[in-house]
Amino acid sequence: MASFTSIPPELHSYIFQFGCTDDGRTIRALSLLSRYFYAIARSFLYHTLAISSSSDHLPLLLTKLQSTPPHLRRITHLFLSDVPSSSSTPKKLSEPSVSKNIFDLLTLASPSLRTLSFIAHAPHTSTHLIARLFRISFPLLGELSVSGYYPFPSPPPAFDDAKPTMPSLKKLHLHGNRNPHGLLQSQALEGACPALEELRVSGLAMASSFVIELEDALLSSSSSSSEGSDNDDALFPASLPPTIKLVIVQAGVRPPVGAKSSMVVLKDDAMMRQLERIRAIARDREEEGMRVVVLDRPEEGMDVMSPAEMKKVWLNGVAGRRDGWWS
């Protein structure tokens, strides 16, 4: 019987690829078994990385990556969160030096990255961090989930040689902006993500203006719709990229009822009525090849978009399992 080491290294390398379907711990454990295993595992050590709350090992990791040849530091799947993985872990992502480390890491990862889950919940830095993320070029990125008070992806400058920052992106999930009114205007999504097929927007609250914007975009792109819309006369008409096949929207948890929140509840109820109109439009759009899904809002106390849940879904994607966000 042939020994394990008599098998060609190419076959070992192929086998080791199956150890890259978690957050990276399996391949790193294999690399510690022997020098031979380390030699085989080297090119997969950074294939998948998960970093929560920018722990103290990030500067060391970045130093290692910067001193590693590019072909040995290809990062394919990345999870980044400013929320501590445990209650004893301090939040540090908002510190300027750590923010720089984060974007140095993203810059190193950008040429090879295919899936990215990015969580920025620190109130004073969330928008700034996500805006910087959207300005980085990710030529191969196919799936992006963002949680935080996000600005909108922007199209490239109007130069002849300007290119989209995410030309291969097919799946985009945005969570954290309660009323992202303007997201579907000025063809910003189409310019930044020209291959986008699936869009999910969740965590909506008091977002009637955005839901109306979505309704206008759906009606204007429907070949069978005869309903009137103000979209044609709008200065910045709402539209969806022509490549879109699936749109998912979901309201956040219902606002608490109290003496000072009556207006909040009224605005939220108005949004929910608008979402029911989207459900009706969805039936017509499905006949034309586009799925439009309005998910039920989560129950009070259910944090379906917690960092832990987002990491779980990200890991499902790394392992090749289609997750519930896109069904």
C-alpha atoms as a PDB file:
ATOM      1  CA  MET A   1       0.000   0.000   0.000  1.00  0.00           C
ATOM      2  CA  ALA A   2       1.359   3.386  -0.955  1.00  0.00           C
ATOM      3  CA  SER A   3       2.266   5.724   1.877  1.00  0.00           C
ATOM      4  CA  PHE A   4       0.606   9.094   2.274  1.00  0.00           C
ATOM      5  CA  THR A   5       3.749  10.934   1.216  1.00  0.00           C
ATOM      6  CA  SER A   6       3.993   8.882  -1.981  1.00  0.00           C
ATOM      7  CA  ILE A   7       0.885  10.613  -3.312  1.00  0.00           C
ATOM      8  CA  PRO A   8       1.768  13.523  -5.617  1.00  0.00           C
ATOM      9  CA  PRO A   9       1.780  16.946  -3.896  1.00  0.00           C
ATOM     10  CA  GLU A  10      -0.748  18.176  -6.457  1.00  0.00           C
ATOM     11  CA  LEU A  11      -3.278  15.653  -5.136  1.00  0.00           C
ATOM     12  CA  HIS A  12      -2.547  16.667  -1.542  1.00  0.00           C
ATOM     13  CA  SER A  13      -3.084  20.280  -2.548  1.00  0.00           C
ATOM     14  CA  TYR A  14      -6.442  19.363  -4.065  1.00  0.00           C
ATOM     15  CA  ILE A  15      -7.447  17.538  -0.865  1.00  0.00           C
ATOM     16  CA  PHE A  16      -6.374  20.483   1.279  1.00  0.00           C
ATOM     17  CA  GLN A  17      -8.753  22.747  -0.619  1.00  0.00           C
ATOM     18  CA  PHE A  18     -11.593  20.929   1.148  1.00  0.00           C
ATOM     19  CA  GLY A  19     -10.161  22.259   4.400  1.00  0.00           C
ATOM     20  CA  CYS A  20     -10.965  25.819   3.299  1.00  0.00           C
ATOM     21  CA  THR A  21     -14.733  25.639   3.803  1.00  0.00           C
ATOM     22  CA  ASP A  22     -14.779  27.127   7.318  1.00  0.00           C
ATOM     23  CA  ASP A  23     -13.351  30.319   8.819  1.00  0.00           C
ATOM     24  CA  GLY A  24      -9.762  29.178   8.218  1.00  0.00           C
ATOM     25  CA  ARG A  25      -9.116  27.164  11.367  1.00  0.00           C
ATOM     26  CA  THR A  26      -8.989  23.771   9.619  1.00  0.00           C
ATOM     27  CA  ILE A  27      -6.298  24.668   7.110  1.00  0.00           C
ATOM     28  CA  ARG A  28      -4.264  26.421   9.798  1.00  0.00           C
ATOM     29  CA  ALA A  29      -4.473  23.311  11.992  1.00  0.00           C
ATOM     30  CA  LEU A  30      -3.331  21.123   9.097  1.00  0.00           C
ATOM     31  CA  SER A  31      -0.344  23.394   8.500  1.00  0.00           C
ATOM     32  CA  LEU A  32       0.915  22.669  12.037  1.00  0.00           C
ATOM     33  CA  LEU A  33       1.053  18.888  11.657  1.00  0.00           C
ATOM     34  CA  SER A  34       4.378  18.671   9.830  1.00  0.00           C
ATOM     35  CA  ARG A  35       6.753  20.608   7.623  1.00  0.00           C
ATOM     36  CA  TYR A  36       5.404  18.792   4.592  1.00  0.00           C
ATOM     37  CA  PHE A  37       1.828  19.674   5.499  1.00  0.00           C
ATOM     38  CA  TYR A  38       2.876  23.281   6.030  1.00  0.00           C
ATOM     39  CA  ALA A  39       4.477  23.393   2.585  1.00  0.00           C
ATOM     40  CA  ILE A  40       1.239  22.148   1.014  1.00  0.00           C
ATOM     41  CA  ALA A  41      -1.019  24.374   3.135  1.00  0.00           C
ATOM     42  CA  ARG A  42       0.970  27.609   2.677  1.00  0.00           C
ATOM     43  CA  SER A  43      -0.973  28.824  -0.318  1.00  0.00           C
ATOM     44  CA  PHE A  44      -4.295  28.295   1.513  1.00  0.00           C
ATOM     45  CA  LEU A  45      -3.440  29.839   4.895  1.00  0.00           C
ATOM     46  CA  TYR A  46      -5.162  33.133   4.094  1.00  0.00           C
ATOM     47  CA  HIS A  47      -7.866  31.729   1.819  1.00  0.00           C
ATOM     48  CA  THR A  48     -10.553  32.467   4.446  1.00  0.00           C
ATOM     49  CA  LEU A  49     -10.250  35.031   7.243  1.00  0.00           C
ATOM     50  CA  ALA A  50     -12.712  36.068   9.961  1.00  0.00           C
ATOM     51  CA  ILE A  51     -11.852  39.081  12.133  1.00  0.00           C
ATOM     52  CA  SER A  52     -14.168  40.405  14.848  1.00  0.00           C
ATOM     53  CA  SER A  53     -13.647  43.625  16.799  1.00  0.00           C
ATOM     54  CA  SER A  54     -10.242  44.090  15.218  1.00  0.00           C
ATOM     55  CA  SER A  55      -8.448  42.123  17.908  1.00  0.00           C
ATOM     56  CA  ASP A  56      -4.811  42.649  18.807  1.00  0.00           C
ATOM     57  CA  HIS A  57      -3.603  40.039  16.318  1.00  0.00           C
ATOM     58  CA  LEU A  58      -4.655  42.200  13.325  1.00  0.00           C
ATOM     59  CA  PRO A  59      -1.409  44.245  13.177  1.00  0.00           C
ATOM     60  CA  LEU A  60       0.596  41.010  13.335  1.00  0.00           C
ATOM     61  CA  LEU A  61      -1.563  39.452  10.616  1.00  0.00           C
ATOM     62  CA  LEU A  62      -1.113  42.509   8.432  1.00  0.00           C
ATOM     63  CA  THR A  63       2.662  42.436   8.933  1.00  0.00           C
ATOM     64  CA  LYS A  64       2.727  38.778   7.880  1.00  0.00           C
ATOM     65  CA  LEU A  65       0.622  39.462   4.807  1.00  0.00           C
ATOM     66  CA  GLN A  66       2.762  42.398   3.714  1.00  0.00           C
ATOM     67  CA  SER A  67       5.897  40.242   3.901  1.00  0.00           C
ATOM     68  CA  THR A  68       4.295  37.296   2.076  1.00  0.00           C
ATOM     69  CA  PRO A  69       4.566  36.927  -1.716  1.00  0.00           C
ATOM     70  CA  PRO A  70       1.274  37.800  -3.452  1.00  0.00           C
ATOM     71  CA  HIS A  71       0.672  34.246  -4.709  1.00  0.00           C
ATOM     72  CA  LEU A  72       0.765  32.952  -1.113  1.00  0.00           C
ATOM     73  CA  ARG A  73      -1.555  35.565   0.410  1.00  0.00           C
ATOM     74  CA  ARG A  74      -4.627  35.260  -1.790  1.00  0.00           C
ATOM     75  CA  ILE A  75      -7.667  36.009   0.366  1.00  0.00           C
ATOM     76  CA  THR A  76     -10.870  34.654  -1.154  1.00  0.00           C
ATOM     77  CA  HIS A  77     -13.409  35.002   1.678  1.00  0.00           C
ATOM     78  CA  LEU A  78     -13.329  37.712   4.357  1.00  0.00           C
ATOM     79  CA  PHE A  79     -15.502  38.545   7.376  1.00  0.00           C
ATOM     80  CA  LEU A  80     -14.803  41.856   9.158  1.00  0.00           C
ATOM     81  CA  SER A  81     -16.761  43.138  12.142  1.00  0.00           C
ATOM     82  CA  ASP A  82     -16.331  45.922  14.690  1.00  0.00           C
ATOM     83  CA  VAL A  83     -18.584  44.032  17.107  1.00  0.00           C
ATOM     84  CA  PRO A  84     -16.684  41.991  19.720  1.00  0.00           C
ATOM     85  CA  SER A  85     -16.872  38.223  19.346  1.00  0.00           C
ATOM     86  CA  SER A  86     -17.107  38.049  23.150  1.00  0.00           C
ATOM     87  CA  SER A  87     -18.081  40.480  25.892  1.00  0.00           C
ATOM     88  CA  SER A  88     -14.476  40.624  27.104  1.00  0.00           C
ATOM     89  CA  THR A  89     -13.175  41.851  23.742  1.00  0.00           C
ATOM     90  CA  PRO A  90     -12.878  45.659  23.517  1.00  0.00           C
ATOM     91  CA  LYS A  91     -14.230  47.520  20.506  1.00  0.00           C
ATOM     92  CA  LYS A  92     -11.332  49.032  18.636  1.00  0.00           C
ATOM     93  CA  LEU A  93     -12.345  49.414  15.016  1.00  0.00           C
ATOM     94  CA  SER A  94     -13.171  53.082  15.512  1.00  0.00           C
ATOM     95  CA  GLU A  95      -9.587  53.909  16.470  1.00  0.00           C
ATOM     96  CA  PRO A  96      -7.793  55.647  13.565  1.00  0.00           C
ATOM     97  CA  SER A  97      -4.795  53.302  13.541  1.00  0.00           C
ATOM     98  CA  VAL A  98      -7.020  50.244  13.487  1.00  0.00           C
ATOM     99  CA  SER A  99      -9.183  51.705  10.719  1.00  0.00           C
ATOM    100  CA  LYS A 100      -6.016  52.113   8.663  1.00  0.00           C
ATOM    101  CA  ASN A 101      -5.103  48.483   9.323  1.00  0.00           C
ATOM    102  CA  ILE A 102      -8.562  47.411   8.187  1.00  0.00           C
ATOM    103  CA  PHE A 103      -8.215  49.193   4.866  1.00  0.00           C
ATOM    104  CA  ASP A 104      -4.655  48.029   4.381  1.00  0.00           C
ATOM    105  CA  LEU A 105      -6.053  44.512   4.778  1.00  0.00           C
ATOM    106  CA  LEU A 106      -8.899  45.178   2.339  1.00  0.00           C
ATOM    107  CA  THR A 107      -6.452  46.617  -0.187  1.00  0.00           C
ATOM    108  CA  LEU A 108      -4.266  43.523   0.041  1.00  0.00           C
ATOM    109  CA  ALA A 109      -7.311  41.267  -0.276  1.00  0.00           C
ATOM    110  CA  SER A 110      -9.049  43.185  -3.060  1.00  0.00           C
ATOM    111  CA  PRO A 111      -7.428  41.515  -6.119  1.00  0.00           C
ATOM    112  CA  SER A 112      -8.596  38.011  -5.123  1.00  0.00           C
ATOM    113  CA  LEU A 113     -11.587  38.564  -2.822  1.00  0.00           C
ATOM    114  CA  ARG A 114     -14.833  36.843  -3.842  1.00  0.00           C
ATOM    115  CA  THR A 115     -17.065  37.147  -0.759  1.00  0.00           C
ATOM    116  CA  LEU A 116     -17.021  39.894   1.862  1.00  0.00           C
ATOM    117  CA  SER A 117     -19.173  40.452   4.941  1.00  0.00           C
ATOM    118  CA  PHE A 118     -18.441  43.856   6.480  1.00  0.00           C
ATOM    119  CA  ILE A 119     -20.003  45.061   9.743  1.00  0.00           C
ATOM    120  CA  ALA A 120     -19.421  48.615  10.987  1.00  0.00           C
ATOM    121  CA  HIS A 121     -21.779  49.502  13.826  1.00  0.00           C
ATOM    122  CA  ALA A 122     -19.719  52.150  15.666  1.00  0.00           C
ATOM    123  CA  PRO A 123     -21.979  55.231  15.350  1.00  0.00           C
ATOM    124  CA  HIS A 124     -19.215  57.806  14.757  1.00  0.00           C
ATOM    125  CA  THR A 125     -17.327  55.848  12.093  1.00  0.00           C
ATOM    126  CA  SER A 126     -19.843  53.544  10.399  1.00  0.00           C
ATOM    127  CA  THR A 127     -20.675  55.749   7.404  1.00  0.00           C
ATOM    128  CA  HIS A 128     -17.044  56.771   6.843  1.00  0.00           C
ATOM    129  CA  LEU A 129     -15.772  53.185   6.916  1.00  0.00           C
ATOM    130  CA  ILE A 130     -18.416  51.888   4.527  1.00  0.00           C
ATOM    131  CA  ALA A 131     -17.889  54.826   2.157  1.00  0.00           C
ATOM    132  CA  ARG A 132     -14.183  53.972   2.000  1.00  0.00           C
ATOM    133  CA  LEU A 133     -15.063  50.336   1.385  1.00  0.00           C
ATOM    134  CA  PHE A 134     -17.176  51.293  -1.637  1.00  0.00           C
ATOM    135  CA  ARG A 135     -14.241  53.213  -3.131  1.00  0.00           C
ATOM    136  CA  ILE A 136     -11.916  50.189  -3.183  1.00  0.00           C
ATOM    137  CA  SER A 137     -11.716  48.232  -6.435  1.00  0.00           C
ATOM    138  CA  PHE A 138     -12.737  44.569  -6.083  1.00  0.00           C
ATOM    139  CA  PRO A 139     -12.436  43.052  -9.576  1.00  0.00           C
ATOM    140  CA  LEU A 140     -13.534  39.512  -8.589  1.00  0.00           C
ATOM    141  CA  LEU A 141     -15.924  40.201  -5.698  1.00  0.00           C
ATOM    142  CA  GLY A 142     -19.169  38.325  -6.310  1.00  0.00           C
ATOM    143  CA  GLU A 143     -21.020  38.694  -3.012  1.00  0.00           C
ATOM    144  CA  LEU A 144     -21.047  41.600  -0.550  1.00  0.00           C
ATOM    145  CA  SER A 145     -22.983  42.022   2.698  1.00  0.00           C
ATOM    146  CA  VAL A 146     -22.769  45.357   4.525  1.00  0.00           C
ATOM    147  CA  SER A 147     -24.241  46.138   7.939  1.00  0.00           C
ATOM    148  CA  GLY A 148     -24.047  49.666   9.299  1.00  0.00           C
ATOM    149  CA  TYR A 149     -25.269  53.155   8.468  1.00  0.00           C
ATOM    150  CA  TYR A 150     -24.223  52.822   4.867  1.00  0.00           C
ATOM    151  CA  PRO A 151     -23.979  55.495   2.181  1.00  0.00           C
ATOM    152  CA  PHE A 152     -24.713  54.410  -1.374  1.00  0.00           C
ATOM    153  CA  PRO A 153     -22.279  52.802  -3.806  1.00  0.00           C
ATOM    154  CA  SER A 154     -21.285  55.404  -6.346  1.00  0.00           C
ATOM    155  CA  PRO A 155     -20.604  54.995 -10.063  1.00  0.00           C
ATOM    156  CA  PRO A 156     -17.095  55.634 -11.380  1.00  0.00           C
ATOM    157  CA  PRO A 157     -16.115  59.180 -12.383  1.00  0.00           C
ATOM    158  CA  ALA A 158     -17.123  60.216 -15.877  1.00  0.00           C
ATOM    159  CA  PHE A 159     -13.705  59.556 -17.378  1.00  0.00           C
ATOM    160  CA  ASP A 160     -13.115  57.484 -20.484  1.00  0.00           C
ATOM    161  CA  ASP A 161     -10.904  55.006 -18.625  1.00  0.00           C
ATOM    162  CA  ALA A 162     -12.903  54.908 -15.362  1.00  0.00           C
ATOM    163  CA  LYS A 163     -14.052  51.428 -14.371  1.00  0.00           C
ATOM    164  CA  PRO A 164     -16.685  50.209 -11.890  1.00  0.00           C
ATOM    165  CA  THR A 165     -15.276  49.351  -8.467  1.00  0.00           C
ATOM    166  CA  MET A 166     -17.202  46.065  -8.312  1.00  0.00           C
ATOM    167  CA  PRO A 167     -17.608  44.843 -11.904  1.00  0.00           C
ATOM    168  CA  SER A 168     -18.265  41.194 -10.956  1.00  0.00           C
ATOM    169  CA  LEU A 169     -20.634  41.740  -8.017  1.00  0.00           C
ATOM    170  CA  LYS A 170     -23.794  39.659  -8.372  1.00  0.00           C
ATOM    171  CA  LYS A 171     -25.199  39.683  -4.813  1.00  0.00           C
ATOM    172  CA  LEU A 172     -25.483  42.767  -2.612  1.00  0.00           C
ATOM    173  CA  HIS A 173     -27.075  42.882   0.835  1.00  0.00           C
ATOM    174  CA  LEU A 174     -27.435  46.250   2.576  1.00  0.00           C
ATOM    175  CA  HIS A 175     -28.575  46.536   6.194  1.00  0.00           C
ATOM    176  CA  GLY A 176     -28.490  49.389   8.678  1.00  0.00           C
ATOM    177  CA  ASN A 177     -29.833  52.428   6.839  1.00  0.00           C
ATOM    178  CA  ARG A 178     -33.447  52.675   7.981  1.00  0.00           C
ATOM    179  CA  ASN A 179     -34.557  54.736   4.987  1.00  0.00           C
ATOM    180  CA  PRO A 180     -32.109  54.474   2.059  1.00  0.00           C
ATOM    181  CA  HIS A 181     -34.090  56.896  -0.102  1.00  0.00           C
ATOM    182  CA  GLY A 182     -32.014  57.656  -3.207  1.00  0.00           C
ATOM    183  CA  LEU A 183     -30.374  54.232  -3.516  1.00  0.00           C
ATOM    184  CA  LEU A 184     -32.190  53.498  -6.779  1.00  0.00           C
ATOM    185  CA  GLN A 185     -31.770  56.954  -8.302  1.00  0.00           C
ATOM    186  CA  SER A 186     -29.205  58.281 -10.794  1.00  0.00           C
ATOM    187  CA  GLN A 187     -28.311  54.714 -11.856  1.00  0.00           C
ATOM    188  CA  ALA A 188     -25.763  54.611  -9.045  1.00  0.00           C
ATOM    189  CA  LEU A 189     -26.101  50.854  -8.490  1.00  0.00           C
ATOM    190  CA  GLU A 190     -25.825  50.109 -12.184  1.00  0.00           C
ATOM    191  CA  GLY A 191     -22.693  52.222 -12.452  1.00  0.00           C
ATOM    192  CA  ALA A 192     -20.940  50.699  -9.437  1.00  0.00           C
ATOM    193  CA  CYS A 193     -22.162  47.108  -9.898  1.00  0.00           C
ATOM    194  CA  PRO A 194     -22.961  46.538 -13.598  1.00  0.00           C
ATOM    195  CA  ALA A 195     -23.367  42.752 -13.164  1.00  0.00           C
ATOM    196  CA  LEU A 196     -25.681  42.926 -10.120  1.00  0.00           C
ATOM    197  CA  GLU A 197     -28.345  40.206 -10.148  1.00  0.00           C
ATOM    198  CA  GLU A 198     -29.603  40.012  -6.557  1.00  0.00           C
ATOM    199  CA  LEU A 199     -30.258  42.924  -4.205  1.00  0.00           C
ATOM    200  CA  ARG A 200     -31.443  42.697  -0.618  1.00  0.00           C
ATOM    201  CA  VAL A 201     -32.251  45.723   1.541  1.00  0.00           C
ATOM    202  CA  SER A 202     -33.205  44.974   5.147  1.00  0.00           C
ATOM    203  CA  GLY A 203     -33.759  46.769   8.436  1.00  0.00           C
ATOM    204  CA  LEU A 204     -36.186  49.320   6.984  1.00  0.00           C
ATOM    205  CA  ALA A 205     -38.104  51.608   9.350  1.00  0.00           C
ATOM    206  CA  MET A 206     -40.330  54.595   8.560  1.00  0.00           C
ATOM    207  CA  ALA A 207     -39.045  54.209   4.998  1.00  0.00           C
ATOM    208  CA  SER A 208     -42.113  55.086   2.926  1.00  0.00           C
ATOM    209  CA  SER A 209     -40.035  57.272   0.604  1.00  0.00           C
ATOM    210  CA  PHE A 210     -37.673  54.399  -0.201  1.00  0.00           C
ATOM    211  CA  VAL A 211     -40.511  51.916  -0.708  1.00  0.00           C
ATOM    212  CA  ILE A 212     -42.232  54.373  -3.072  1.00  0.00           C
ATOM    213  CA  GLU A 213     -38.898  54.742  -4.880  1.00  0.00           C
ATOM    214  CA  LEU A 214     -38.701  50.954  -5.236  1.00  0.00           C
ATOM    215  CA  GLU A 215     -42.292  50.839  -6.496  1.00  0.00           C
ATOM    216  CA  ASP A 216     -41.488  53.476  -9.125  1.00  0.00           C
ATOM    217  CA  ALA A 217     -38.404  51.526 -10.208  1.00  0.00           C
ATOM    218  CA  LEU A 218     -40.407  48.308 -10.532  1.00  0.00           C
ATOM    219  CA  LEU A 219     -43.204  49.977 -12.479  1.00  0.00           C
ATOM    220  CA  SER A 220     -40.852  51.828 -14.822  1.00  0.00           C
ATOM    221  CA  SER A 221     -39.011  48.600 -15.683  1.00  0.00           C
ATOM    222  CA  SER A 222     -42.213  46.595 -16.180  1.00  0.00           C
ATOM    223  CA  SER A 223     -43.206  46.087 -19.794  1.00  0.00           C
ATOM    224  CA  SER A 224     -46.780  45.205 -18.835  1.00  0.00           C
ATOM    225  CA  SER A 225     -47.486  48.014 -16.386  1.00  0.00           C
ATOM    226  CA  SER A 226     -50.005  50.639 -17.418  1.00  0.00           C
ATOM    227  CA  GLU A 227     -50.120  52.389 -14.049  1.00  0.00           C
ATOM    228  CA  GLY A 228     -49.217  56.021 -13.949  1.00  0.00           C
ATOM    229  CA  SER A 229     -46.084  57.052 -12.122  1.00  0.00           C
ATOM    230  CA  ASP A 230     -44.345  60.309 -11.382  1.00  0.00           C
ATOM    231  CA  ASN A 231     -41.048  58.537 -12.069  1.00  0.00           C
ATOM    232  CA  ASP A 232     -40.904  59.563 -15.740  1.00  0.00           C
ATOM    233  CA  ASP A 233     -40.994  63.246 -14.807  1.00  0.00           C
ATOM    234  CA  ALA A 234     -38.629  62.963 -11.839  1.00  0.00           C
ATOM    235  CA  LEU A 235     -35.319  64.807 -11.904  1.00  0.00           C
ATOM    236  CA  PHE A 236     -33.570  61.631 -10.714  1.00  0.00           C
ATOM    237  CA  PRO A 237     -35.838  58.755 -11.813  1.00  0.00           C
ATOM    238  CA  ALA A 238     -35.654  55.527  -9.850  1.00  0.00           C
ATOM    239  CA  SER A 239     -34.478  52.441 -11.706  1.00  0.00           C
ATOM    240  CA  LEU A 240     -33.051  48.992 -11.136  1.00  0.00           C
ATOM    241  CA  PRO A 241     -30.025  47.679 -13.022  1.00  0.00           C
ATOM    242  CA  PRO A 242     -31.196  45.758 -16.120  1.00  0.00           C
ATOM    243  CA  THR A 243     -29.316  42.690 -14.877  1.00  0.00           C
ATOM    244  CA  ILE A 244     -31.413  42.378 -11.677  1.00  0.00           C
ATOM    245  CA  LYS A 245     -33.214  39.049 -11.232  1.00  0.00           C
ATOM    246  CA  LEU A 246     -34.107  39.137  -7.526  1.00  0.00           C
ATOM    247  CA  VAL A 247     -35.021  41.954  -5.139  1.00  0.00           C
ATOM    248  CA  ILE A 248     -35.620  41.284  -1.433  1.00  0.00           C
ATOM    249  CA  VAL A 249     -36.818  43.908   1.027  1.00  0.00           C
ATOM    250  CA  GLN A 250     -37.497  43.512   4.733  1.00  0.00           C
ATOM    251  CA  ALA A 251     -38.654  45.849   7.472  1.00  0.00           C
ATOM    252  CA  GLY A 252     -36.804  45.939  10.757  1.00  0.00           C
ATOM    253  CA  VAL A 253     -38.315  45.214  14.151  1.00  0.00           C
ATOM    254  CA  ARG A 254     -41.486  47.216  14.825  1.00  0.00           C
ATOM    255  CA  PRO A 255     -40.757  50.444  16.754  1.00  0.00           C
ATOM    256  CA  PRO A 256     -41.793  50.357  20.427  1.00  0.00           C
ATOM    257  CA  VAL A 257     -45.162  51.863  21.246  1.00  0.00           C
ATOM    258  CA  GLY A 258     -45.063  54.726  23.744  1.00  0.00           C
ATOM    259  CA  ALA A 259     -46.508  58.121  24.549  1.00  0.00           C
ATOM    260  CA  LYS A 260     -43.819  59.911  22.539  1.00  0.00           C
ATOM    261  CA  SER A 261     -43.670  57.483  19.630  1.00  0.00           C
ATOM    262  CA  SER A 262     -47.125  57.865  18.048  1.00  0.00           C
ATOM    263  CA  MET A 263     -45.708  59.648  14.979  1.00  0.00           C
ATOM    264  CA  VAL A 264     -43.017  56.985  14.633  1.00  0.00           C
ATOM    265  CA  VAL A 265     -45.653  54.256  14.645  1.00  0.00           C
ATOM    266  CA  LEU A 266     -47.799  56.126  12.113  1.00  0.00           C
ATOM    267  CA  LYS A 267     -44.843  56.509   9.740  1.00  0.00           C
ATOM    268  CA  ASP A 268     -43.930  52.868  10.190  1.00  0.00           C
ATOM    269  CA  ASP A 269     -47.494  51.747   9.489  1.00  0.00           C
ATOM    270  CA  ALA A 270     -47.461  53.834   6.311  1.00  0.00           C
ATOM    271  CA  MET A 271     -44.305  52.029   5.201  1.00  0.00           C
ATOM    272  CA  MET A 272     -45.880  48.633   5.870  1.00  0.00           C
ATOM    273  CA  ARG A 273     -48.878  49.568   3.696  1.00  0.00           C
ATOM    274  CA  GLN A 274     -46.496  50.554   0.923  1.00  0.00           C
ATOM    275  CA  LEU A 275     -44.731  47.204   1.263  1.00  0.00           C
ATOM    276  CA  GLU A 276     -48.060  45.465   0.684  1.00  0.00           C
ATOM    277  CA  ARG A 277     -48.255  47.310  -2.640  1.00  0.00           C
ATOM    278  CA  ILE A 278     -44.827  45.892  -3.475  1.00  0.00           C
ATOM    279  CA  ARG A 279     -46.175  42.386  -2.807  1.00  0.00           C
ATOM    280  CA  ALA A 280     -48.919  43.014  -5.363  1.00  0.00           C
ATOM    281  CA  ILE A 281     -46.449  44.320  -7.948  1.00  0.00           C
ATOM    282  CA  ALA A 282     -44.216  41.297  -7.293  1.00  0.00           C
ATOM    283  CA  ARG A 283     -46.781  38.936  -8.774  1.00  0.00           C
ATOM    284  CA  ASP A 284     -46.674  40.785 -12.087  1.00  0.00           C
ATOM    285  CA  ARG A 285     -42.899  41.032 -12.157  1.00  0.00           C
ATOM    286  CA  GLU A 286     -42.401  37.303 -11.574  1.00  0.00           C
ATOM    287  CA  GLU A 287     -44.158  36.656 -14.872  1.00  0.00           C
ATOM    288  CA  GLU A 288     -41.511  38.808 -16.535  1.00  0.00           C
ATOM    289  CA  GLY A 289     -38.574  36.931 -15.005  1.00  0.00           C
ATOM    290  CA  MET A 290     -37.840  39.065 -11.936  1.00  0.00           C
ATOM    291  CA  ARG A 291     -38.547  37.861  -8.409  1.00  0.00           C
ATOM    292  CA  VAL A 292     -39.526  40.494  -5.856  1.00  0.00           C
ATOM    293  CA  VAL A 293     -39.787  39.246  -2.269  1.00  0.00           C
ATOM    294  CA  VAL A 294     -41.088  41.129   0.757  1.00  0.00           C
ATOM    295  CA  LEU A 295     -39.978  39.222   3.841  1.00  0.00           C
ATOM    296  CA  ASP A 296     -41.964  39.381   7.066  1.00  0.00           C
ATOM    297  CA  ARG A 297     -40.461  41.697   9.647  1.00  0.00           C
ATOM    298  CA  PRO A 298     -38.688  39.930  12.545  1.00  0.00           C
ATOM    299  CA  GLU A 299     -40.407  39.581  15.879  1.00  0.00           C
ATOM    300  CA  GLU A 300     -39.416  41.892  18.718  1.00  0.00           C
ATOM    301  CA  GLY A 301     -36.255  40.629  20.389  1.00  0.00           C
ATOM    302  CA  MET A 302     -35.148  38.656  17.320  1.00  0.00           C
ATOM    303  CA  ASP A 303     -31.907  40.023  15.917  1.00  0.00           C
ATOM    304  CA  VAL A 304     -31.862  38.201  12.602  1.00  0.00           C
ATOM    305  CA  MET A 305     -29.086  40.504  11.393  1.00  0.00           C
ATOM    306  CA  SER A 306     -26.777  40.143  14.377  1.00  0.00           C
ATOM    307  CA  PRO A 307     -23.044  39.780  13.643  1.00  0.00           C
ATOM    308  CA  ALA A 308     -23.275  36.139  14.728  1.00  0.00           C
ATOM    309  CA  GLU A 309     -26.058  35.469  12.218  1.00  0.00           C
ATOM    310  CA  MET A 310     -24.231  37.348   9.481  1.00  0.00           C
ATOM    311  CA  LYS A 311     -21.126  35.283  10.118  1.00  0.00           C
ATOM    312  CA  LYS A 312     -23.191  32.106   9.993  1.00  0.00           C
ATOM    313  CA  VAL A 313     -24.607  33.051   6.602  1.00  0.00           C
ATOM    314  CA  TRP A 314     -21.151  34.070   5.368  1.00  0.00           C
ATOM    315  CA  LEU A 315     -19.783  30.671   6.416  1.00  0.00           C
ATOM    316  CA  ASN A 316     -22.630  28.967   4.567  1.00  0.00           C
ATOM    317  CA  GLY A 317     -21.537  30.819   1.459  1.00  0.00           C
ATOM    318  CA  VAL A 318     -17.899  29.845   1.984  1.00  0.00           C
ATOM    319  CA  ALA A 319     -18.979  26.198   2.249  1.00  0.00           C
ATOM    320  CA  GLY A 320     -21.022  26.486  -0.930  1.00  0.00           C
ATOM    321  CA  ARG A 321     -24.429  26.304   0.735  1.00  0.00           C
ATOM    322  CA  ARG A 322     -27.027  28.748  -0.571  1.00  0.00           C
ATOM    323  CA  ASP A 323     -28.181  30.755   2.402  1.00  0.00           C
ATOM    324  CA  GLY A 324     -31.644  31.944   3.376  1.00  0.00           C
ATOM    325  CA  TRP A 325     -30.955  35.607   2.568  1.00  0.00           C
ATOM    326  CA  TRP A 326     -31.155  34.905  -1.129  1.00  0.00           C
ATOM    327  CA  SER A 327     -33.997  32.384  -1.282  1.00  0.00           C
END
